[in-house]
């Protein structure tokens, strides 16, 4: 399976398979709603940080920080997640 943060570059079906993996779902479910939202928009929807920031009413830096926090928290739960 591809690492979660690399899933954005995969074809739709493969990206969805990574997201729907039960281990990934459990780990993502442990994140707060804000981190889940950024992670979903970036990985599943393959949105650029500028658009995510606009949707959240935040700066692009804040969107990147939330994504980085989410990946950092997932890293300890999912050994295949790496930057």
Foldseek 3Di string as FASTA:
>chain_A
DAAQQVQLPDPLVSLVVVCPPPLNVVQLVVDDPVLNLLSCCCRNVVDQLCVVCVVVVHHSVVSVVSPVVSLVSCCVSDVNHDD
